[in-house]
C-alpha atoms as a PDB file:
ATOM      1  CA  MET A   1      -3.280   6.493 -16.761  1.00  0.00           C
ATOM      2  CA  PHE A   2      -0.237   8.681 -16.150  1.00  0.00           C
ATOM      3  CA  THR A   3       0.117  12.285 -14.984  1.00  0.00           C
ATOM      4  CA  ASN A   4       3.296  14.297 -15.520  1.00  0.00           C
ATOM      5  CA  PHE A   5       4.445  17.154 -13.309  1.00  0.00           C
ATOM      6  CA  HIS A   6       7.711  18.787 -12.256  1.00  0.00           C
ATOM      7  CA  ILE A   7       8.910  18.921  -8.647  1.00  0.00           C
ATOM      8  CA  PHE A   8      12.271  18.773  -6.824  1.00  0.00           C
ATOM      9  CA  ASN A   9      13.881  19.618 -10.212  1.00  0.00           C
ATOM     10  CA  LYS A  10      12.764  16.208 -11.463  1.00  0.00           C
ATOM     11  CA  ASN A  11      10.141  15.132 -13.982  1.00  0.00           C
ATOM     12  CA  PHE A  12       7.602  12.871 -12.280  1.00  0.00           C
ATOM     13  CA  ILE A  13       5.532  10.456 -14.339  1.00  0.00           C
ATOM     14  CA  VAL A  14       2.861   9.246 -11.893  1.00  0.00           C
ATOM     15  CA  LEU A  15       1.016   5.983 -12.468  1.00  0.00           C
ATOM     16  CA  ARG A  16      -2.463   6.973 -11.306  1.00  0.00           C
ATOM     17  CA  ASP A  17      -3.431   3.854  -9.413  1.00  0.00           C
ATOM     18  CA  ASP A  18      -5.589   6.134  -7.248  1.00  0.00           C
ATOM     19  CA  LEU A  19      -7.966   6.272 -10.241  1.00  0.00           C
ATOM     20  CA  LEU A  20      -8.440   2.528 -10.718  1.00  0.00           C
ATOM     21  CA  GLY A  21     -11.918   2.611  -9.158  1.00  0.00           C
ATOM     22  CA  GLU A  22     -13.460   1.961  -5.745  1.00  0.00           C
ATOM     23  CA  ILE A  23     -10.696  -0.558  -5.068  1.00  0.00           C
ATOM     24  CA  ASN A  24      -7.556   1.291  -6.064  1.00  0.00           C
ATOM     25  CA  GLY A  25      -3.878   1.806  -5.427  1.00  0.00           C
ATOM     26  CA  ASN A  26      -1.569  -0.779  -3.946  1.00  0.00           C
ATOM     27  CA  LYS A  27      -4.389  -2.996  -2.690  1.00  0.00           C
ATOM     28  CA  ALA A  28      -6.088  -3.144  -6.094  1.00  0.00           C
ATOM     29  CA  ARG A  29      -2.882  -4.629  -7.482  1.00  0.00           C
ATOM     30  CA  LYS A  30      -2.424  -7.051  -4.611  1.00  0.00           C
ATOM     31  CA  LEU A  31      -6.015  -8.245  -4.890  1.00  0.00           C
ATOM     32  CA  ALA A  32      -6.047  -8.506  -8.695  1.00  0.00           C
ATOM     33  CA  PHE A  33      -6.009 -12.305  -8.457  1.00  0.00           C
ATOM     34  CA  LEU A  34      -9.496 -12.255  -6.922  1.00  0.00           C
ATOM     35  CA  LYS A  35     -10.932 -10.921 -10.180  1.00  0.00           C
ATOM     36  CA  SER A  36      -9.580 -13.782 -12.271  1.00  0.00           C
ATOM     37  CA  ILE A  37     -10.306 -16.771 -10.033  1.00  0.00           C
ATOM     38  CA  LYS A  38     -13.303 -17.906  -8.039  1.00  0.00           C
ATOM     39  CA  LEU A  39     -12.151 -18.921  -4.586  1.00  0.00           C
ATOM     40  CA  PRO A  40     -13.706 -22.165  -3.288  1.00  0.00           C
ATOM     41  CA  TYR A  41     -14.540 -20.410  -0.012  1.00  0.00           C
ATOM     42  CA  LYS A  42     -17.375 -18.243   1.282  1.00  0.00           C
ATOM     43  CA  HIS A  43     -15.568 -16.360   4.039  1.00  0.00           C
ATOM     44  CA  LEU A  44     -12.550 -14.043   3.702  1.00  0.00           C
ATOM     45  CA  ILE A  45     -10.586 -13.167   6.850  1.00  0.00           C
ATOM     46  CA  CYS A  46      -7.881 -10.525   7.290  1.00  0.00           C
ATOM     47  CA  TYR A  47      -6.314  -8.476  10.094  1.00  0.00           C
ATOM     48  CA  GLY A  48      -4.419  -5.216  10.587  1.00  0.00           C
ATOM     49  CA  SER A  49      -4.949  -1.603  11.610  1.00  0.00           C
ATOM     50  CA  SER A  50      -8.356   0.032  12.053  1.00  0.00           C
ATOM     51  CA  GLN A  51      -7.649   2.277   9.030  1.00  0.00           C
ATOM     52  CA  SER A  52      -6.237  -0.490   6.854  1.00  0.00           C
ATOM     53  CA  ASN A  53      -6.560   0.044   3.100  1.00  0.00           C
ATOM     54  CA  ALA A  54      -6.694  -3.732   2.722  1.00  0.00           C
ATOM     55  CA  MET A  55      -9.714  -3.895   5.046  1.00  0.00           C
ATOM     56  CA  GLN A  56     -11.591  -1.296   3.023  1.00  0.00           C
ATOM     57  CA  ALA A  57     -10.730  -2.953  -0.311  1.00  0.00           C
ATOM     58  CA  LEU A  58     -11.615  -6.455   0.861  1.00  0.00           C
ATOM     59  CA  ALA A  59     -14.904  -5.260   2.338  1.00  0.00           C
ATOM     60  CA  LEU A  60     -15.875  -3.688  -0.984  1.00  0.00           C
ATOM     61  CA  PHE A  61     -14.884  -6.778  -2.925  1.00  0.00           C
ATOM     62  CA  SER A  62     -16.622  -9.182  -0.541  1.00  0.00           C
ATOM     63  CA  ASN A  63     -19.853  -7.202  -0.475  1.00  0.00           C
ATOM     64  CA  LYS A  64     -20.045  -7.095  -4.272  1.00  0.00           C
ATOM     65  CA  ASN A  65     -19.135 -10.747  -4.743  1.00  0.00           C
ATOM     66  CA  ASN A  66     -21.223 -12.373  -1.993  1.00  0.00           C
ATOM     67  CA  TYR A  67     -18.400 -13.312   0.353  1.00  0.00           C
ATOM     68  CA  LYS A  68     -18.644 -13.013   4.108  1.00  0.00           C
ATOM     69  CA  PHE A  69     -15.790 -10.803   5.315  1.00  0.00           C
ATOM     70  CA  SER A  70     -14.245 -10.592   8.779  1.00  0.00           C
ATOM     71  CA  PHE A  71     -11.489  -8.228   9.816  1.00  0.00           C
ATOM     72  CA  VAL A  72      -9.567  -8.175  13.091  1.00  0.00           C
ATOM     73  CA  CYS A  73      -7.921  -5.066  14.528  1.00  0.00           C
ATOM     74  CA  ALA A  74      -6.382  -4.570  17.946  1.00  0.00           C
ATOM     75  CA  ARG A  75      -8.666  -2.207  19.818  1.00  0.00           C
ATOM     76  CA  ARG A  76     -11.936  -0.333  19.668  1.00  0.00           C
ATOM     77  CA  CYS A  77     -11.653   3.118  18.130  1.00  0.00           C
ATOM     78  CA  GLU A  78     -13.602   5.875  16.437  1.00  0.00           C
ATOM     79  CA  ILE A  79     -15.593   4.582  13.478  1.00  0.00           C
ATOM     80  CA  CYS A  80     -14.486   6.742  10.563  1.00  0.00           C
ATOM     81  CA  GLY A  81     -12.593   6.580   7.269  1.00  0.00           C
ATOM     82  CA  ASN A  82     -11.740   3.075   6.081  1.00  0.00           C
ATOM     83  CA  LEU A  83     -13.321   1.440   9.137  1.00  0.00           C
ATOM     84  CA  GLU A  84     -16.623   3.214   8.566  1.00  0.00           C
ATOM     85  CA  ASN A  85     -16.534   2.310   4.878  1.00  0.00           C
ATOM     86  CA  ALA A  86     -15.809  -1.345   5.664  1.00  0.00           C
ATOM     87  CA  ILE A  87     -18.728  -1.556   8.113  1.00  0.00           C
ATOM     88  CA  LYS A  88     -21.039  -0.005   5.505  1.00  0.00           C
ATOM     89  CA  ASN A  89     -19.981  -2.841   3.227  1.00  0.00           C
ATOM     90  CA  ASN A  90     -21.032  -5.456   5.791  1.00  0.00           C
ATOM     91  CA  ALA A  91     -17.619  -6.281   7.244  1.00  0.00           C
ATOM     92  CA  ASN A  92     -17.620  -8.129  10.564  1.00  0.00           C
ATOM     93  CA  ILE A  93     -15.152  -6.253  12.769  1.00  0.00           C
ATOM     94  CA  TYR A  94     -13.443  -7.924  15.729  1.00  0.00           C
ATOM     95  CA  TYR A  95     -11.232  -6.325  18.379  1.00  0.00           C
ATOM     96  CA  SER A  96      -8.594  -8.818  19.493  1.00  0.00           C
ATOM     97  CA  ASN A  97      -7.591  -6.941  22.660  1.00  0.00           C
ATOM     98  CA  ASP A  98     -11.031  -7.772  24.053  1.00  0.00           C
ATOM     99  CA  PHE A  99      -9.882 -11.392  24.049  1.00  0.00           C
ATOM    100  CA  GLY A 100      -6.267 -10.886  25.082  1.00  0.00           C
ATOM    101  CA  LEU A 101      -4.929 -11.862  21.661  1.00  0.00           C
ATOM    102  CA  SER A 102      -3.015 -10.203  18.864  1.00  0.00           C
ATOM    103  CA  PRO A 103      -4.994  -9.449  15.669  1.00  0.00           C
ATOM    104  CA  LYS A 104      -3.047 -12.143  13.812  1.00  0.00           C
ATOM    105  CA  ASP A 105      -3.693 -14.831  16.445  1.00  0.00           C
ATOM    106  CA  PHE A 106      -7.385 -13.971  16.643  1.00  0.00           C
ATOM    107  CA  ALA A 107      -7.704 -14.073  12.828  1.00  0.00           C
ATOM    108  CA  MET A 108      -5.947 -17.446  12.708  1.00  0.00           C
ATOM    109  CA  ASN A 109      -8.359 -18.810  15.327  1.00  0.00           C
ATOM    110  CA  LEU A 110     -11.302 -17.567  13.250  1.00  0.00           C
ATOM    111  CA  HIS A 111      -9.840 -19.262  10.208  1.00  0.00           C
ATOM    112  CA  LYS A 112      -9.195 -22.560  12.006  1.00  0.00           C
ATOM    113  CA  SER A 113     -12.778 -22.663  13.286  1.00  0.00           C
ATOM    114  CA  ASP A 114     -14.259 -22.204   9.798  1.00  0.00           C
ATOM    115  CA  SER A 115     -13.237 -24.679   7.083  1.00  0.00           C
ATOM    116  CA  ASP A 116     -14.980 -22.509   4.494  1.00  0.00           C
ATOM    117  CA  SER A 117     -12.699 -19.519   5.133  1.00  0.00           C
ATOM    118  CA  PHE A 118      -9.618 -18.080   3.410  1.00  0.00           C
ATOM    119  CA  LEU A 119      -7.039 -16.174   5.488  1.00  0.00           C
ATOM    120  CA  ILE A 120      -5.305 -13.165   3.931  1.00  0.00           C
ATOM    121  CA  ASP A 121      -2.256 -11.805   5.747  1.00  0.00           C
ATOM    122  CA  GLU A 122      -2.041  -8.206   6.976  1.00  0.00           C
ATOM    123  CA  GLY A 123      -1.534  -5.796   4.101  1.00  0.00           C
ATOM    124  CA  VAL A 124      -2.204  -8.673   1.661  1.00  0.00           C
ATOM    125  CA  CYS A 125       1.384  -9.788   2.212  1.00  0.00           C
ATOM    126  CA  ASN A 126       0.860 -13.077   0.379  1.00  0.00           C
ATOM    127  CA  ASP A 127       2.470 -14.802  -2.584  1.00  0.00           C
ATOM    128  CA  PHE A 128      -0.636 -14.457  -4.752  1.00  0.00           C
ATOM    129  CA  ALA A 129      -0.157 -10.660  -4.716  1.00  0.00           C
ATOM    130  CA  ARG A 130       2.491 -11.194  -7.402  1.00  0.00           C
ATOM    131  CA  PHE A 131      -0.049 -11.448 -10.236  1.00  0.00           C
ATOM    132  CA  GLY A 132      -1.035  -7.786 -10.015  1.00  0.00           C
ATOM    133  CA  PHE A 133       2.570  -6.645 -10.199  1.00  0.00           C
ATOM    134  CA  PHE A 134       3.298  -8.858 -13.195  1.00  0.00           C
ATOM    135  CA  ASP A 135       0.550  -6.904 -14.942  1.00  0.00           C
ATOM    136  CA  MET A 136       1.880  -3.572 -13.643  1.00  0.00           C
ATOM    137  CA  ALA A 137       5.380  -4.329 -14.918  1.00  0.00           C
ATOM    138  CA  ASN A 138       3.991  -4.884 -18.405  1.00  0.00           C
ATOM    139  CA  GLU A 139       1.882  -1.712 -18.181  1.00  0.00           C
ATOM    140  CA  ILE A 140       4.767   0.588 -17.295  1.00  0.00           C
ATOM    141  CA  SER A 141       7.621  -0.995 -19.279  1.00  0.00           C
ATOM    142  CA  SER A 142       7.023   1.110 -22.413  1.00  0.00           C
ATOM    143  CA  VAL A 143       6.991   4.317 -20.332  1.00  0.00           C
ATOM    144  CA  CYS A 144      10.230   3.298 -18.632  1.00  0.00           C
ATOM    145  CA  LYS A 145      11.835   2.812 -22.057  1.00  0.00           C
ATOM    146  CA  GLU A 146      10.535   6.104 -23.434  1.00  0.00           C
ATOM    147  CA  PHE A 147      11.617   8.294 -20.513  1.00  0.00           C
ATOM    148  CA  ASN A 148      14.699   6.380 -19.327  1.00  0.00           C
ATOM    149  CA  CYS A 149      13.425   6.702 -15.787  1.00  0.00           C
ATOM    150  CA  ASP A 150      13.880   5.249 -12.336  1.00  0.00           C
ATOM    151  CA  VAL A 151      10.852   3.664 -10.672  1.00  0.00           C
ATOM    152  CA  PHE A 152       9.776   4.401  -7.110  1.00  0.00           C
ATOM    153  CA  LEU A 153       7.040   3.186  -4.788  1.00  0.00           C
ATOM    154  CA  PRO A 154       6.821   3.399  -0.958  1.00  0.00           C
ATOM    155  CA  SER A 155       6.434   0.187   1.045  1.00  0.00           C
ATOM    156  CA  GLY A 156       4.671  -1.255   4.044  1.00  0.00           C
ATOM    157  CA  THR A 157       5.595  -4.953   3.782  1.00  0.00           C
ATOM    158  CA  TYR A 158       7.816  -4.535   0.678  1.00  0.00           C
ATOM    159  CA  THR A 159       5.711  -7.151  -1.151  1.00  0.00           C
ATOM    160  CA  SER A 160       4.612  -4.806  -3.950  1.00  0.00           C
ATOM    161  CA  ALA A 161       8.071  -3.365  -4.576  1.00  0.00           C
ATOM    162  CA  ILE A 162       9.818  -6.762  -4.553  1.00  0.00           C
ATOM    163  CA  TYR A 163       7.406  -8.268  -7.063  1.00  0.00           C
ATOM    164  CA  LEU A 164       7.358  -5.184  -9.298  1.00  0.00           C
ATOM    165  CA  GLU A 165      11.175  -5.119  -9.438  1.00  0.00           C
ATOM    166  CA  LYS A 166      11.246  -8.842 -10.168  1.00  0.00           C
ATOM    167  CA  TYR A 167       8.950  -8.684 -13.189  1.00  0.00           C
ATOM    168  CA  LEU A 168      10.075  -5.306 -14.505  1.00  0.00           C
ATOM    169  CA  SER A 169      13.740  -6.363 -14.473  1.00  0.00           C
ATOM    170  CA  GLN A 170      12.811  -9.366 -16.632  1.00  0.00           C
ATOM    171  CA  ILE A 171      11.602  -6.942 -19.296  1.00  0.00           C
ATOM    172  CA  LEU A 172      14.226  -4.216 -18.717  1.00  0.00           C
ATOM    173  CA  PRO A 173      17.299  -5.690 -16.971  1.00  0.00           C
ATOM    174  CA  GLU A 174      18.857  -2.239 -16.573  1.00  0.00           C
ATOM    175  CA  ILE A 175      15.864  -0.740 -14.719  1.00  0.00           C
ATOM    176  CA  ARG A 176      16.331   0.596 -11.194  1.00  0.00           C
ATOM    177  CA  VAL A 177      13.437   0.237  -8.750  1.00  0.00           C
ATOM    178  CA  PHE A 178      13.544   2.095  -5.410  1.00  0.00           C
ATOM    179  CA  THR A 179      11.408   1.925  -2.296  1.00  0.00           C
ATOM    180  CA  THR A 180      11.422   3.250   1.257  1.00  0.00           C
ATOM    181  CA  SER A 181       9.991   1.925   4.495  1.00  0.00           C
ATOM    182  CA  CYS A 182       6.724   3.387   5.779  1.00  0.00           C
ATOM    183  CA  VAL A 183       6.168   0.669   8.390  1.00  0.00           C
ATOM    184  CA  SER A 184       8.948  -1.916   8.701  1.00  0.00           C
ATOM    185  CA  GLY A 185      12.717  -1.571   8.937  1.00  0.00           C
ATOM    186  CA  GLU A 186      15.831  -2.952   7.236  1.00  0.00           C
ATOM    187  CA  GLU A 187      15.753  -6.301   9.047  1.00  0.00           C
ATOM    188  CA  TYR A 188      12.253  -7.056   7.756  1.00  0.00           C
ATOM    189  CA  PHE A 189      13.287  -5.843   4.293  1.00  0.00           C
ATOM    190  CA  ALA A 190      16.091  -8.432   4.248  1.00  0.00           C
ATOM    191  CA  LYS A 191      13.691 -11.179   5.361  1.00  0.00           C
ATOM    192  CA  GLN A 192      11.163 -10.280   2.670  1.00  0.00           C
ATOM    193  CA  ILE A 193      13.832 -10.219  -0.026  1.00  0.00           C
ATOM    194  CA  GLN A 194      15.006 -13.657   1.044  1.00  0.00           C
ATOM    195  CA  LYS A 195      11.441 -14.963   1.103  1.00  0.00           C
ATOM    196  CA  LEU A 196      10.028 -13.435  -2.086  1.00  0.00           C
ATOM    197  CA  ASN A 197      13.003 -12.941  -4.412  1.00  0.00           C
ATOM    198  CA  PRO A 198      16.553 -13.596  -3.169  1.00  0.00           C
ATOM    199  CA  LYS A 199      17.961 -12.317  -6.481  1.00  0.00           C
ATOM    200  CA  SER A 200      16.225  -8.953  -6.130  1.00  0.00           C
ATOM    201  CA  ASN A 201      18.026  -5.715  -6.970  1.00  0.00           C
ATOM    202  CA  LEU A 202      15.381  -3.583  -5.250  1.00  0.00           C
ATOM    203  CA  LYS A 203      17.017  -0.548  -3.643  1.00  0.00           C
ATOM    204  CA  LEU A 204      15.907   0.617  -0.182  1.00  0.00           C
ATOM    205  CA  LEU A 205      16.163   4.354   0.530  1.00  0.00           C
ATOM    206  CA  LYS A 206      16.386   5.802   4.027  1.00  0.00           C
ATOM    207  CA  THR A 207      14.874   9.043   5.249  1.00  0.00           C
ATOM    208  CA  ASN A 208      16.892  11.323   7.500  1.00  0.00           C
ATOM    209  CA  LYS A 209      14.567  10.530  10.393  1.00  0.00           C
ATOM    210  CA  LYS A 210      12.467   7.525  11.277  1.00  0.00           C
ATOM    211  CA  TYR A 211       8.776   8.068  10.577  1.00  0.00           C
ATOM    212  CA  HIS A 212       6.505   5.924  12.722  1.00  0.00           C
ATOM    213  CA  PHE A 213       3.486   4.662  10.832  1.00  0.00           C
ATOM    214  CA  ALA A 214       0.315   6.789  11.136  1.00  0.00           C
ATOM    215  CA  LYS A 215       1.924   9.335  13.465  1.00  0.00           C
ATOM    216  CA  LEU A 216       1.735  13.019  12.564  1.00  0.00           C
ATOM    217  CA  TYR A 217       4.756  14.862  11.198  1.00  0.00           C
ATOM    218  CA  GLU A 218       4.270  18.450  10.144  1.00  0.00           C
ATOM    219  CA  GLU A 219       6.968  18.337   7.464  1.00  0.00           C
ATOM    220  CA  LEU A 220       5.241  15.399   5.734  1.00  0.00           C
ATOM    221  CA  PHE A 221       1.911  17.207   5.747  1.00  0.00           C
ATOM    222  CA  ILE A 222       3.415  20.421   4.363  1.00  0.00           C
ATOM    223  CA  LEU A 223       5.332  18.571   1.668  1.00  0.00           C
ATOM    224  CA  THR A 224       2.273  16.649   0.477  1.00  0.00           C
ATOM    225  CA  GLU A 225      -0.183  19.548   0.707  1.00  0.00           C
ATOM    226  CA  ASN A 226       2.118  21.791  -1.352  1.00  0.00           C
ATOM    227  CA  ILE A 227       1.791  19.440  -4.320  1.00  0.00           C
ATOM    228  CA  THR A 228      -1.376  20.711  -6.002  1.00  0.00           C
ATOM    229  CA  LYS A 229      -1.262  18.796  -9.284  1.00  0.00           C
ATOM    230  CA  ILE A 230      -2.171  15.470  -7.648  1.00  0.00           C
ATOM    231  CA  LYS A 231      -3.666  14.511  -4.298  1.00  0.00           C
ATOM    232  CA  PHE A 232      -1.352  12.065  -2.544  1.00  0.00           C
ATOM    233  CA  ASP A 233      -1.902   9.679   0.357  1.00  0.00           C
ATOM    234  CA  LEU A 234      -0.706  10.901   3.769  1.00  0.00           C
ATOM    235  CA  LEU A 235       0.336   7.484   5.092  1.00  0.00           C
ATOM    236  CA  TYR A 236       2.567   6.084   2.350  1.00  0.00           C
ATOM    237  CA  ASP A 237       3.026   8.691  -0.379  1.00  0.00           C
ATOM    238  CA  SER A 238       4.058  11.423   2.052  1.00  0.00           C
ATOM    239  CA  VAL A 239       6.965   9.328   3.369  1.00  0.00           C
ATOM    240  CA  GLY A 240       7.794   8.185  -0.153  1.00  0.00           C
ATOM    241  CA  LEU A 241       8.014  11.732  -1.458  1.00  0.00           C
ATOM    242  CA  MET A 242      10.214  12.749   1.469  1.00  0.00           C
ATOM    243  CA  ALA A 243      12.547   9.821   0.739  1.00  0.00           C
ATOM    244  CA  ILE A 244      12.907  10.998  -2.856  1.00  0.00           C
ATOM    245  CA  TYR A 245      13.484  14.611  -1.775  1.00  0.00           C
ATOM    246  CA  GLU A 246      16.228  13.603   0.649  1.00  0.00           C
ATOM    247  CA  ASN A 247      17.964  11.363  -1.924  1.00  0.00           C
ATOM    248  CA  LEU A 248      17.576  13.414  -5.100  1.00  0.00           C
ATOM    249  CA  ASP A 249      21.164  13.068  -6.230  1.00  0.00           C
ATOM    250  CA  ILE A 250      20.846   9.312  -6.867  1.00  0.00           C
ATOM    251  CA  PHE A 251      17.819   9.599  -9.190  1.00  0.00           C
ATOM    252  CA  LYS A 252      17.710  10.119 -12.919  1.00  0.00           C
ATOM    253  CA  ASP A 253      15.946  13.225 -14.246  1.00  0.00           C
ATOM    254  CA  ASN A 254      12.762  11.192 -14.804  1.00  0.00           C
ATOM    255  CA  ILE A 255      11.053   9.295 -11.985  1.00  0.00           C
ATOM    256  CA  LEU A 256       8.108   6.972 -12.567  1.00  0.00           C
ATOM    257  CA  TYR A 257       6.182   7.169  -9.295  1.00  0.00           C
ATOM    258  CA  ILE A 258       3.561   4.561  -8.373  1.00  0.00           C
ATOM    259  CA  HIS A 259       0.640   6.298  -6.622  1.00  0.00           C
ATOM    260  CA  GLN A 260      -0.488   4.307  -3.574  1.00  0.00           C
ATOM    261  CA  GLY A 261      -4.202   5.198  -3.662  1.00  0.00           C
ATOM    262  CA  GLY A 262      -5.870   4.897  -0.257  1.00  0.00           C
ATOM    263  CA  LEU A 263      -7.279   8.401  -0.181  1.00  0.00           C
ATOM    264  CA  ILE A 264     -10.317   7.409   1.901  1.00  0.00           C
ATOM    265  CA  GLY A 265      -8.062   6.467   4.821  1.00  0.00           C
ATOM    266  CA  SER A 266      -5.934   9.533   4.147  1.00  0.00           C
ATOM    267  CA  SER A 267      -8.916  11.801   4.814  1.00  0.00           C
ATOM    268  CA  THR A 268      -8.893  10.867   8.509  1.00  0.00           C
ATOM    269  CA  MET A 269      -5.160  11.602   8.673  1.00  0.00           C
ATOM    270  CA  LYS A 270      -5.794  15.054   7.250  1.00  0.00           C
ATOM    271  CA  GLU A 271      -8.439  15.743   9.901  1.00  0.00           C
ATOM    272  CA  ARG A 272      -5.930  14.780  12.597  1.00  0.00           C
ATOM    273  CA  TYR A 273      -3.322  17.076  11.069  1.00  0.00           C
ATOM    274  CA  LEU A 274      -5.721  20.000  10.842  1.00  0.00           C
ATOM    275  CA  CYS A 275      -6.715  19.550  14.474  1.00  0.00           C
ATOM    276  CA  LYS A 276      -3.188  19.120  15.847  1.00  0.00           C
ATOM    277  CA  LEU A 277      -1.565  21.843  13.791  1.00  0.00           C
ATOM    278  CA  ASP A 278      -4.554  24.200  14.085  1.00  0.00           C
ATOM    279  CA  TYR A 279      -4.662  24.765  10.326  1.00  0.00           C
ATOM    280  CA  ASN A 280      -7.778  26.247   8.756  1.00  0.00           C
END
């Protein structure tokens, strides 16, 4: 499903991945492989932040498909948003700081101690994520042709953007795919390109200032809240929209924007904004 609206003097065609279902957005695409294959394991393990979209999506999937699911985050925190939703879906939550380990090291130890487990990297930054973006490339190719548009999606690990550019460029060699960093920097971008697709033409946009992941920035909140046509995520989409706004001159008149979903986790960000900025 696509929604069109006009902003920044550009025509946005938004792929509504926020409407895919309970598991939606970026993580629905990355986890698409789980719907088509039956893993020969009973226990899924992942790690990351306490408001991880991947955690929430994997908890939902595991609960519905009779997998045990364990997730490791760094420290104990308020149970709300994605964390609360994951616990309601029977996720086993571990706090690695209690054991003097990083979330990744603790998750790897869990995996090594259970031969019936499958370890999924933080943010589902794994090679098997490519299948969902092969499908996405085919879904959006006709729209790209019709509107002669650029494609944009914000990035955490760059996995989604690298794979989407790879498969979309095979269909439309002239297509331009842009991303911006919401978590990692240029050095990690270069490493991911080398690892996932050394021939990639994915274009990385910079914002005028560095936005640290999950911190509060009034200008991001105002920008996102002033868009009334669609509700956007406050972690990824807000930074993505700012990157477009600050680099408007390089874009075509039509921009196909990939919605990142994750609105459950975004609700806790909004509460933090409302409290800090004293908005009513």
